[in-house]
Amino acid sequence: MKKKVALPLLAIVLLGVIASHISFKPADHSYLMVVDGIEIDVLGKMKNQWLSQTQNCDGVLELQPGQESFQSIQNTIQSYSPPQSQSAQIAGIWTWGAWALAEVEFDALLPAIVTLQTNKHEQRIVPRGIWSGLTKPWMAAPLIRTYLKMQVPEMPSKLLNCFSPRSKSFN
């Protein structure tokens, strides 16, 4: 077979094989890449990579379980909607100034990301700043960041961009 015919034929066959295994599907707020029936959030992965390379998280603190602020936030969440909220297990808390984001898992409720604000030394949950539910097939962090930014636009972007889910529910 002549090269003039072989190379274009090879390109057509390769494109056909790739097209038979990969497609794009519009879903909710974006698109998913489907590879042999498995949905992949490529845009979410790209957003995560970009933020991990460009975000400066200096000043954003991750609280530890023994700290007073950690206990205060956990108590606030546990008392928010009893009895289900009393089983709250904190997977992580990030703070920036008067703002905090807490990743929480419960016994009987779906996992949640809770936005809190300090007002006169008192932690207060921002009701419109709660993400609750599972995120599959979407990448958790970009989906949750986008939702919280729309719900609580006054929340500092630095805090939101430095938030990275840790629990098994979101990974």
C-alpha atoms as a PDB file:
ATOM      1  CA  MET A   1       0.000   0.000   0.000  1.00  0.00           C
ATOM      2  CA  LYS A   2       1.285   3.441  -0.889  1.00  0.00           C
ATOM      3  CA  LYS A   3       2.187   5.925   1.872  1.00  0.00           C
ATOM      4  CA  LYS A   4      -0.248   8.447   0.378  1.00  0.00           C
ATOM      5  CA  VAL A   5      -3.079   6.024   1.139  1.00  0.00           C
ATOM      6  CA  ALA A   6      -1.728   4.311   4.274  1.00  0.00           C
ATOM      7  CA  LEU A   7      -1.253   7.376   6.476  1.00  0.00           C
ATOM      8  CA  PRO A   8      -4.723   8.884   5.920  1.00  0.00           C
ATOM      9  CA  LEU A   9      -6.287   5.431   6.320  1.00  0.00           C
ATOM     10  CA  LEU A  10      -4.374   4.918   9.587  1.00  0.00           C
ATOM     11  CA  ALA A  11      -5.563   8.313  10.853  1.00  0.00           C
ATOM     12  CA  ILE A  12      -9.190   7.478   9.981  1.00  0.00           C
ATOM     13  CA  VAL A  13      -8.973   4.072  11.690  1.00  0.00           C
ATOM     14  CA  LEU A  14      -7.403   5.610  14.832  1.00  0.00           C
ATOM     15  CA  LEU A  15     -10.080   8.300  15.014  1.00  0.00           C
ATOM     16  CA  GLY A  16     -12.775   5.653  14.574  1.00  0.00           C
ATOM     17  CA  VAL A  17     -11.364   3.474  17.368  1.00  0.00           C
ATOM     18  CA  ILE A  18     -11.039   6.451  19.721  1.00  0.00           C
ATOM     19  CA  ALA A  19     -14.550   7.707  18.874  1.00  0.00           C
ATOM     20  CA  SER A  20     -15.994   4.275  19.608  1.00  0.00           C
ATOM     21  CA  HIS A  21     -14.597   4.366  23.161  1.00  0.00           C
ATOM     22  CA  ILE A  22     -14.762   8.056  24.120  1.00  0.00           C
ATOM     23  CA  SER A  23     -17.699  10.447  24.067  1.00  0.00           C
ATOM     24  CA  PHE A  24     -18.841  13.605  25.838  1.00  0.00           C
ATOM     25  CA  LYS A  25     -22.135  13.905  27.666  1.00  0.00           C
ATOM     26  CA  PRO A  26     -23.829  17.114  28.838  1.00  0.00           C
ATOM     27  CA  ALA A  27     -24.904  16.746  32.459  1.00  0.00           C
ATOM     28  CA  ASP A  28     -26.166  19.240  35.042  1.00  0.00           C
ATOM     29  CA  HIS A  29     -23.867  22.245  34.848  1.00  0.00           C
ATOM     30  CA  SER A  30     -21.046  20.913  32.667  1.00  0.00           C
ATOM     31  CA  TYR A  31     -19.866  17.991  30.554  1.00  0.00           C
ATOM     32  CA  LEU A  32     -18.577  14.548  31.418  1.00  0.00           C
ATOM     33  CA  MET A  33     -16.203  12.497  29.319  1.00  0.00           C
ATOM     34  CA  VAL A  34     -17.454   8.911  28.964  1.00  0.00           C
ATOM     35  CA  VAL A  35     -14.801   6.250  28.399  1.00  0.00           C
ATOM     36  CA  ASP A  36     -16.297   2.807  27.804  1.00  0.00           C
ATOM     37  CA  GLY A  37     -19.320   3.731  29.929  1.00  0.00           C
ATOM     38  CA  ILE A  38     -17.333   5.276  32.800  1.00  0.00           C
ATOM     39  CA  GLU A  39     -18.097   8.973  33.408  1.00  0.00           C
ATOM     40  CA  ILE A  40     -15.097  11.203  34.122  1.00  0.00           C
ATOM     41  CA  ASP A  41     -15.163  14.865  35.162  1.00  0.00           C
ATOM     42  CA  VAL A  42     -12.192  16.059  33.091  1.00  0.00           C
ATOM     43  CA  LEU A  43     -12.963  19.767  33.602  1.00  0.00           C
ATOM     44  CA  GLY A  44     -13.126  19.236  37.386  1.00  0.00           C
ATOM     45  CA  LYS A  45      -9.766  17.461  37.348  1.00  0.00           C
ATOM     46  CA  MET A  46      -8.258  20.310  35.348  1.00  0.00           C
ATOM     47  CA  LYS A  47      -9.665  22.925  37.774  1.00  0.00           C
ATOM     48  CA  ASN A  48      -8.247  20.972  40.732  1.00  0.00           C
ATOM     49  CA  GLN A  49      -4.816  20.724  39.095  1.00  0.00           C
ATOM     50  CA  TRP A  50      -4.786  24.416  38.232  1.00  0.00           C
ATOM     51  CA  LEU A  51      -5.687  25.464  41.784  1.00  0.00           C
ATOM     52  CA  SER A  52      -3.157  23.095  43.336  1.00  0.00           C
ATOM     53  CA  GLN A  53      -0.428  24.733  41.225  1.00  0.00           C
ATOM     54  CA  THR A  54      -1.490  28.382  41.539  1.00  0.00           C
ATOM     55  CA  GLN A  55      -3.222  28.839  44.919  1.00  0.00           C
ATOM     56  CA  ASN A  56      -1.300  30.400  47.795  1.00  0.00           C
ATOM     57  CA  CYS A  57      -2.788  29.088  51.045  1.00  0.00           C
ATOM     58  CA  ASP A  58      -0.614  31.143  53.413  1.00  0.00           C
ATOM     59  CA  GLY A  59      -2.832  32.301  56.267  1.00  0.00           C
ATOM     60  CA  VAL A  60      -5.480  29.615  55.786  1.00  0.00           C
ATOM     61  CA  LEU A  61      -5.348  27.454  58.885  1.00  0.00           C
ATOM     62  CA  GLU A  62      -6.421  23.863  59.234  1.00  0.00           C
ATOM     63  CA  LEU A  63      -7.644  23.376  62.780  1.00  0.00           C
ATOM     64  CA  GLN A  64      -6.697  20.303  64.796  1.00  0.00           C
ATOM     65  CA  PRO A  65      -9.055  18.310  67.077  1.00  0.00           C
ATOM     66  CA  GLY A  66      -7.477  19.507  70.332  1.00  0.00           C
ATOM     67  CA  GLN A  67      -7.885  23.208  69.566  1.00  0.00           C
ATOM     68  CA  GLU A  68     -10.606  25.264  71.251  1.00  0.00           C
ATOM     69  CA  SER A  69     -11.868  26.649  67.915  1.00  0.00           C
ATOM     70  CA  PHE A  70     -12.196  23.110  66.550  1.00  0.00           C
ATOM     71  CA  GLN A  71     -14.331  22.082  69.539  1.00  0.00           C
ATOM     72  CA  SER A  72     -16.436  25.227  69.274  1.00  0.00           C
ATOM     73  CA  ILE A  73     -17.188  24.570  65.592  1.00  0.00           C
ATOM     74  CA  GLN A  74     -17.938  20.904  66.247  1.00  0.00           C
ATOM     75  CA  ASN A  75     -20.355  21.848  69.055  1.00  0.00           C
ATOM     76  CA  THR A  76     -22.067  24.413  66.810  1.00  0.00           C
ATOM     77  CA  ILE A  77     -22.587  21.815  64.067  1.00  0.00           C
ATOM     78  CA  GLN A  78     -23.733  19.108  66.488  1.00  0.00           C
ATOM     79  CA  SER A  79     -26.366  21.425  67.934  1.00  0.00           C
ATOM     80  CA  TYR A  80     -27.603  22.766  64.560  1.00  0.00           C
ATOM     81  CA  SER A  81     -30.366  20.215  63.853  1.00  0.00           C
ATOM     82  CA  PRO A  82     -30.541  17.566  66.567  1.00  0.00           C
ATOM     83  CA  PRO A  83     -30.838  14.644  66.945  1.00  0.00           C
ATOM     84  CA  GLN A  84     -29.206  13.690  63.589  1.00  0.00           C
ATOM     85  CA  SER A  85     -26.549  16.416  63.763  1.00  0.00           C
ATOM     86  CA  GLN A  86     -25.329  15.182  67.159  1.00  0.00           C
ATOM     87  CA  SER A  87     -23.360  12.391  65.429  1.00  0.00           C
ATOM     88  CA  ALA A  88     -21.252  14.907  63.469  1.00  0.00           C
ATOM     89  CA  GLN A  89     -17.688  13.728  62.894  1.00  0.00           C
ATOM     90  CA  ILE A  90     -15.370  16.449  61.626  1.00  0.00           C
ATOM     91  CA  ALA A  91     -13.061  15.389  58.766  1.00  0.00           C
ATOM     92  CA  GLY A  92     -11.431  18.811  58.474  1.00  0.00           C
ATOM     93  CA  ILE A  93     -11.850  22.483  59.337  1.00  0.00           C
ATOM     94  CA  TRP A  94     -10.218  25.329  57.402  1.00  0.00           C
ATOM     95  CA  THR A  95     -10.300  28.945  58.632  1.00  0.00           C
ATOM     96  CA  TRP A  96      -9.451  32.355  57.187  1.00  0.00           C
ATOM     97  CA  GLY A  97     -10.184  35.373  59.358  1.00  0.00           C
ATOM     98  CA  ALA A  98     -13.777  35.202  60.622  1.00  0.00           C
ATOM     99  CA  TRP A  99     -14.731  32.439  58.146  1.00  0.00           C
ATOM    100  CA  ALA A 100     -14.511  28.661  58.419  1.00  0.00           C
ATOM    101  CA  LEU A 101     -15.366  25.635  56.289  1.00  0.00           C
ATOM    102  CA  ALA A 102     -15.987  22.313  58.010  1.00  0.00           C
ATOM    103  CA  GLU A 103     -16.159  18.932  56.306  1.00  0.00           C
ATOM    104  CA  VAL A 104     -18.554  16.763  58.286  1.00  0.00           C
ATOM    105  CA  GLU A 105     -19.822  13.181  58.207  1.00  0.00           C
ATOM    106  CA  PHE A 106     -22.868  11.918  60.074  1.00  0.00           C
ATOM    107  CA  ASP A 107     -24.321   8.529  61.021  1.00  0.00           C
ATOM    108  CA  ALA A 108     -27.745   9.083  59.428  1.00  0.00           C
ATOM    109  CA  LEU A 109     -27.250  12.177  57.218  1.00  0.00           C
ATOM    110  CA  LEU A 110     -25.341  12.666  53.980  1.00  0.00           C
ATOM    111  CA  PRO A 111     -21.853  14.179  54.285  1.00  0.00           C
ATOM    112  CA  ALA A 112     -21.730  17.965  54.311  1.00  0.00           C
ATOM    113  CA  ILE A 113     -19.513  20.999  53.927  1.00  0.00           C
ATOM    114  CA  VAL A 114     -20.630  23.681  56.363  1.00  0.00           C
ATOM    115  CA  THR A 115     -19.773  27.390  56.134  1.00  0.00           C
ATOM    116  CA  LEU A 116     -19.390  29.197  59.453  1.00  0.00           C
ATOM    117  CA  GLN A 117     -18.725  32.788  60.380  1.00  0.00           C
ATOM    118  CA  THR A 118     -17.462  34.160  63.687  1.00  0.00           C
ATOM    119  CA  ASN A 119     -19.452  37.053  65.091  1.00  0.00           C
ATOM    120  CA  LYS A 120     -18.411  38.481  68.471  1.00  0.00           C
ATOM    121  CA  HIS A 121     -16.450  35.301  69.358  1.00  0.00           C
ATOM    122  CA  GLU A 122     -19.451  33.086  68.531  1.00  0.00           C
ATOM    123  CA  GLN A 123     -19.468  30.563  65.685  1.00  0.00           C
ATOM    124  CA  ARG A 124     -22.559  30.828  63.494  1.00  0.00           C
ATOM    125  CA  ILE A 125     -23.531  28.513  60.631  1.00  0.00           C
ATOM    126  CA  VAL A 126     -24.353  30.347  57.399  1.00  0.00           C
ATOM    127  CA  PRO A 127     -27.577  28.508  56.403  1.00  0.00           C
ATOM    128  CA  ARG A 128     -27.279  29.132  52.665  1.00  0.00           C
ATOM    129  CA  GLY A 129     -23.642  27.951  52.779  1.00  0.00           C
ATOM    130  CA  ILE A 130     -24.200  24.243  53.396  1.00  0.00           C
ATOM    131  CA  TRP A 131     -23.391  21.619  50.788  1.00  0.00           C
ATOM    132  CA  SER A 132     -24.888  18.237  51.581  1.00  0.00           C
ATOM    133  CA  GLY A 133     -24.840  15.148  49.444  1.00  0.00           C
ATOM    134  CA  LEU A 134     -22.639  12.983  47.303  1.00  0.00           C
ATOM    135  CA  THR A 135     -20.800  14.351  44.282  1.00  0.00           C
ATOM    136  CA  LYS A 136     -20.159  11.358  42.013  1.00  0.00           C
ATOM    137  CA  PRO A 137     -19.386  11.358  39.092  1.00  0.00           C
ATOM    138  CA  TRP A 138     -18.200  14.966  39.544  1.00  0.00           C
ATOM    139  CA  MET A 139     -14.927  15.860  41.209  1.00  0.00           C
ATOM    140  CA  ALA A 140     -16.001  16.914  44.700  1.00  0.00           C
ATOM    141  CA  ALA A 141     -13.840  19.977  45.349  1.00  0.00           C
ATOM    142  CA  PRO A 142     -14.605  22.009  42.176  1.00  0.00           C
ATOM    143  CA  LEU A 143     -18.315  21.182  42.358  1.00  0.00           C
ATOM    144  CA  ILE A 144     -18.604  22.181  46.025  1.00  0.00           C
ATOM    145  CA  ARG A 145     -16.464  25.314  45.571  1.00  0.00           C
ATOM    146  CA  THR A 146     -18.667  26.478  42.687  1.00  0.00           C
ATOM    147  CA  TYR A 147     -21.851  25.856  44.671  1.00  0.00           C
ATOM    148  CA  LEU A 148     -20.613  27.630  47.819  1.00  0.00           C
ATOM    149  CA  LYS A 149     -19.282  30.603  45.835  1.00  0.00           C
ATOM    150  CA  MET A 150     -22.743  31.095  44.302  1.00  0.00           C
ATOM    151  CA  GLN A 151     -24.511  30.671  47.660  1.00  0.00           C
ATOM    152  CA  VAL A 152     -22.141  32.772  49.778  1.00  0.00           C
ATOM    153  CA  PRO A 153     -20.386  35.229  47.429  1.00  0.00           C
ATOM    154  CA  GLU A 154     -18.975  37.201  50.363  1.00  0.00           C
ATOM    155  CA  MET A 155     -16.908  34.192  51.539  1.00  0.00           C
ATOM    156  CA  PRO A 156     -13.182  34.797  50.923  1.00  0.00           C
ATOM    157  CA  SER A 157     -12.023  33.095  47.721  1.00  0.00           C
ATOM    158  CA  LYS A 158      -8.740  32.197  49.387  1.00  0.00           C
ATOM    159  CA  LEU A 159     -10.511  30.036  51.959  1.00  0.00           C
ATOM    160  CA  LEU A 160     -12.728  28.414  49.362  1.00  0.00           C
ATOM    161  CA  ASN A 161      -9.839  27.692  47.007  1.00  0.00           C
ATOM    162  CA  CYS A 162      -7.710  26.165  49.770  1.00  0.00           C
ATOM    163  CA  PHE A 163     -10.489  23.795  50.830  1.00  0.00           C
ATOM    164  CA  SER A 164      -9.796  20.222  49.731  1.00  0.00           C
ATOM    165  CA  PRO A 165     -12.155  17.419  50.845  1.00  0.00           C
ATOM    166  CA  ARG A 166     -10.553  14.620  52.845  1.00  0.00           C
ATOM    167  CA  SER A 167     -13.321  12.183  53.739  1.00  0.00           C
ATOM    168  CA  LYS A 168     -13.995   8.972  51.817  1.00  0.00           C
ATOM    169  CA  SER A 169     -17.473  10.282  50.979  1.00  0.00           C
ATOM    170  CA  PHE A 170     -16.038  12.909  48.639  1.00  0.00           C
ATOM    171  CA  ASN A 171     -13.030  11.005  47.256  1.00  0.00           C
END
